[in-house]
Amino acid sequence: MPNLAQRRPLLSILGVSDGFTGAFDGIRTRKQSFAEITTAGDFDLLETKTTAKHLPAFPKGFFFGMTENEEMLLKVLEGKYFLCFVSLHSSSKAFALVGWTDLKQLFRTKRIQYHVNF
């Protein structure tokens, strides 16, 4: 998992604002270290969504929340930003990387939800 100092250069390589440093959990890289990452082709951004629910037809039935920033990155960085769905249930352990094009086809419903802190 990249720390804040490692996230900023990754976003800079992609031409994305520092305001998106919290919109991804990890990276998939083709290099051995962060120091070797110099181009957009060297890595992909990953946002992890997990569930402990038994999903025999994984990822069907996976329920998750998504921020506006995550949705924006999925659209703008198609092919470079993925949601990583992870099932932690002992009978259905699995993972799947899903980009914007594939995610749109999985939508059953989409709604706006506001979280307000006073």
C-alpha atoms as a PDB file:
ATOM      1  CA  MET A   1       0.000   0.000   0.000  1.00  0.00           C
ATOM      2  CA  PRO A   2       1.604   3.283  -1.055  1.00  0.00           C
ATOM      3  CA  ASN A   3       2.037   6.007   1.546  1.00  0.00           C
ATOM      4  CA  LEU A   4       1.166   9.653   0.916  1.00  0.00           C
ATOM      5  CA  ALA A   5       4.670  10.506  -0.307  1.00  0.00           C
ATOM      6  CA  GLN A   6       4.425   7.686  -2.876  1.00  0.00           C
ATOM      7  CA  ARG A   7       0.842   8.465  -3.953  1.00  0.00           C
ATOM      8  CA  ARG A   8       1.502  12.034  -5.095  1.00  0.00           C
ATOM      9  CA  PRO A   9       4.114  11.162  -7.748  1.00  0.00           C
ATOM     10  CA  LEU A  10       1.855   8.388  -9.073  1.00  0.00           C
ATOM     11  CA  LEU A  11      -1.014  10.846  -9.524  1.00  0.00           C
ATOM     12  CA  SER A  12       1.372  13.363 -11.091  1.00  0.00           C
ATOM     13  CA  ILE A  13       2.490  10.787 -13.671  1.00  0.00           C
ATOM     14  CA  LEU A  14      -1.198  10.308 -14.569  1.00  0.00           C
ATOM     15  CA  GLY A  15      -1.852  14.073 -14.665  1.00  0.00           C
ATOM     16  CA  VAL A  16      -4.297  13.851 -11.747  1.00  0.00           C
ATOM     17  CA  SER A  17      -4.640  16.343  -8.867  1.00  0.00           C
ATOM     18  CA  ASP A  18      -3.225  15.595  -5.402  1.00  0.00           C
ATOM     19  CA  GLY A  19      -6.832  15.819  -4.194  1.00  0.00           C
ATOM     20  CA  PHE A  20      -7.290  12.188  -5.248  1.00  0.00           C
ATOM     21  CA  THR A  21      -4.626  10.695  -2.950  1.00  0.00           C
ATOM     22  CA  GLY A  22      -7.332   9.009  -0.858  1.00  0.00           C
ATOM     23  CA  ALA A  23      -9.177   7.504  -3.829  1.00  0.00           C
ATOM     24  CA  PHE A  24      -6.987   4.414  -4.152  1.00  0.00           C
ATOM     25  CA  ASP A  25      -5.663   1.805  -1.740  1.00  0.00           C
ATOM     26  CA  GLY A  26      -2.870   0.234  -3.714  1.00  0.00           C
ATOM     27  CA  ILE A  27      -1.196  -0.251  -7.042  1.00  0.00           C
ATOM     28  CA  ARG A  28      -0.426  -3.080  -9.412  1.00  0.00           C
ATOM     29  CA  THR A  29       3.046  -2.534 -10.801  1.00  0.00           C
ATOM     30  CA  ARG A  30       5.305  -4.124 -13.335  1.00  0.00           C
ATOM     31  CA  LYS A  31       8.396  -2.830 -11.497  1.00  0.00           C
ATOM     32  CA  GLN A  32      10.298  -4.096  -8.462  1.00  0.00           C
ATOM     33  CA  SER A  33      10.141  -0.808  -6.493  1.00  0.00           C
ATOM     34  CA  PHE A  34       8.461   2.594  -6.431  1.00  0.00           C
ATOM     35  CA  ALA A  35      11.749   4.190  -7.463  1.00  0.00           C
ATOM     36  CA  GLU A  36      11.536   2.373 -10.816  1.00  0.00           C
ATOM     37  CA  ILE A  37       8.055   3.711 -11.639  1.00  0.00           C
ATOM     38  CA  THR A  38       8.466   6.502 -14.190  1.00  0.00           C
ATOM     39  CA  THR A  39       5.594   6.193 -16.675  1.00  0.00           C
ATOM     40  CA  ALA A  40       1.862   5.479 -16.610  1.00  0.00           C
ATOM     41  CA  GLY A  41       2.553   2.119 -18.224  1.00  0.00           C
ATOM     42  CA  ASP A  42       4.434   1.011 -15.114  1.00  0.00           C
ATOM     43  CA  PHE A  43       1.398   0.755 -12.817  1.00  0.00           C
ATOM     44  CA  ASP A  44      -2.378   0.710 -12.307  1.00  0.00           C
ATOM     45  CA  LEU A  45      -4.303   2.215  -9.384  1.00  0.00           C
ATOM     46  CA  LEU A  46      -6.510  -0.098  -7.292  1.00  0.00           C
ATOM     47  CA  GLU A  47      -9.364   0.683  -4.911  1.00  0.00           C
ATOM     48  CA  THR A  48     -10.278  -2.318  -2.749  1.00  0.00           C
ATOM     49  CA  LYS A  49     -13.860  -3.257  -1.890  1.00  0.00           C
ATOM     50  CA  THR A  50     -14.290  -6.224   0.445  1.00  0.00           C
ATOM     51  CA  THR A  51     -17.124  -8.384   1.706  1.00  0.00           C
ATOM     52  CA  ALA A  52     -17.398 -11.279   4.132  1.00  0.00           C
ATOM     53  CA  LYS A  53     -20.707 -12.362   2.560  1.00  0.00           C
ATOM     54  CA  HIS A  54     -20.932 -15.808   0.946  1.00  0.00           C
ATOM     55  CA  LEU A  55     -21.137 -15.158  -2.800  1.00  0.00           C
ATOM     56  CA  PRO A  56     -21.372 -18.466  -4.695  1.00  0.00           C
ATOM     57  CA  ALA A  57     -21.652 -16.610  -8.034  1.00  0.00           C
ATOM     58  CA  PHE A  58     -18.939 -14.032  -7.256  1.00  0.00           C
ATOM     59  CA  PRO A  59     -18.966 -11.120  -8.034  1.00  0.00           C
ATOM     60  CA  LYS A  60     -22.752 -11.340  -8.488  1.00  0.00           C
ATOM     61  CA  GLY A  61     -24.402 -10.103  -5.289  1.00  0.00           C
ATOM     62  CA  PHE A  62     -21.454  -7.924  -4.247  1.00  0.00           C
ATOM     63  CA  PHE A  63     -22.785  -4.746  -2.602  1.00  0.00           C
ATOM     64  CA  PHE A  64     -20.474  -1.763  -2.112  1.00  0.00           C
ATOM     65  CA  GLY A  65     -20.310   1.980  -1.796  1.00  0.00           C
ATOM     66  CA  MET A  66     -18.304   4.238  -4.059  1.00  0.00           C
ATOM     67  CA  THR A  67     -17.249   7.862  -3.693  1.00  0.00           C
ATOM     68  CA  GLU A  68     -17.651  10.501  -6.367  1.00  0.00           C
ATOM     69  CA  ASN A  69     -13.843  10.661  -6.666  1.00  0.00           C
ATOM     70  CA  GLU A  70     -13.668   6.907  -7.268  1.00  0.00           C
ATOM     71  CA  GLU A  71     -16.334   7.128  -9.952  1.00  0.00           C
ATOM     72  CA  MET A  72     -14.528  10.041 -11.599  1.00  0.00           C
ATOM     73  CA  LEU A  73     -11.209   8.188 -11.671  1.00  0.00           C
ATOM     74  CA  LEU A  74     -12.889   5.081 -13.096  1.00  0.00           C
ATOM     75  CA  LYS A  75     -14.242   7.177 -15.967  1.00  0.00           C
ATOM     76  CA  VAL A  76     -11.183   9.365 -16.607  1.00  0.00           C
ATOM     77  CA  LEU A  77      -8.525   6.696 -16.065  1.00  0.00           C
ATOM     78  CA  GLU A  78     -10.270   3.814 -17.844  1.00  0.00           C
ATOM     79  CA  GLY A  79      -7.764   0.979 -18.062  1.00  0.00           C
ATOM     80  CA  LYS A  80      -5.524   2.506 -15.349  1.00  0.00           C
ATOM     81  CA  TYR A  81      -7.879   2.587 -12.325  1.00  0.00           C
ATOM     82  CA  PHE A  82      -9.739  -0.493 -11.120  1.00  0.00           C
ATOM     83  CA  LEU A  83     -11.988  -1.545  -8.298  1.00  0.00           C
ATOM     84  CA  CYS A  84     -10.644  -4.729  -6.726  1.00  0.00           C
ATOM     85  CA  PHE A  85     -13.587  -6.716  -5.375  1.00  0.00           C
ATOM     86  CA  VAL A  86     -12.516  -9.190  -2.698  1.00  0.00           C
ATOM     87  CA  SER A  87     -14.638 -11.900  -1.073  1.00  0.00           C
ATOM     88  CA  LEU A  88     -13.240 -12.946   2.309  1.00  0.00           C
ATOM     89  CA  HIS A  89     -15.820 -15.666   3.001  1.00  0.00           C
ATOM     90  CA  SER A  90     -14.146 -19.051   3.540  1.00  0.00           C
ATOM     91  CA  SER A  91     -16.470 -20.744   1.005  1.00  0.00           C
ATOM     92  CA  SER A  92     -16.170 -18.121  -1.702  1.00  0.00           C
ATOM     93  CA  LYS A  93     -12.700 -16.575  -1.473  1.00  0.00           C
ATOM     94  CA  ALA A  94     -12.086 -14.702  -4.693  1.00  0.00           C
ATOM     95  CA  PHE A  95     -11.128 -11.366  -6.197  1.00  0.00           C
ATOM     96  CA  ALA A  96     -11.880  -9.517  -9.416  1.00  0.00           C
ATOM     97  CA  LEU A  97     -10.508  -6.331 -10.965  1.00  0.00           C
ATOM     98  CA  VAL A  98     -13.241  -4.273 -12.593  1.00  0.00           C
ATOM     99  CA  GLY A  99     -12.868  -1.118 -14.677  1.00  0.00           C
ATOM    100  CA  TRP A 100     -15.528   1.415 -15.627  1.00  0.00           C
ATOM    101  CA  THR A 101     -16.763  -0.316 -18.791  1.00  0.00           C
ATOM    102  CA  ASP A 102     -17.322  -3.633 -17.019  1.00  0.00           C
ATOM    103  CA  LEU A 103     -18.731  -1.973 -13.895  1.00  0.00           C
ATOM    104  CA  LYS A 104     -21.440  -0.149 -15.871  1.00  0.00           C
ATOM    105  CA  GLN A 105     -22.715  -3.499 -17.110  1.00  0.00           C
ATOM    106  CA  LEU A 106     -22.996  -4.818 -13.533  1.00  0.00           C
ATOM    107  CA  PHE A 107     -25.134  -1.942 -12.202  1.00  0.00           C
ATOM    108  CA  ARG A 108     -28.603  -2.927 -11.075  1.00  0.00           C
ATOM    109  CA  THR A 109     -29.292   0.318  -9.237  1.00  0.00           C
ATOM    110  CA  LYS A 110     -27.369   3.500  -8.609  1.00  0.00           C
ATOM    111  CA  ARG A 111     -28.333   6.075  -6.023  1.00  0.00           C
ATOM    112  CA  ILE A 112     -26.807   9.122  -4.416  1.00  0.00           C
ATOM    113  CA  GLN A 113     -26.155   8.901  -0.681  1.00  0.00           C
ATOM    114  CA  TYR A 114     -25.043  11.792   1.505  1.00  0.00           C
ATOM    115  CA  HIS A 115     -23.027  11.396   4.684  1.00  0.00           C
ATOM    116  CA  VAL A 116     -23.109  14.532   6.830  1.00  0.00           C
ATOM    117  CA  ASN A 117     -20.869  15.151   9.847  1.00  0.00           C
ATOM    118  CA  PHE A 118     -21.683  18.023  12.210  1.00  0.00           C
END
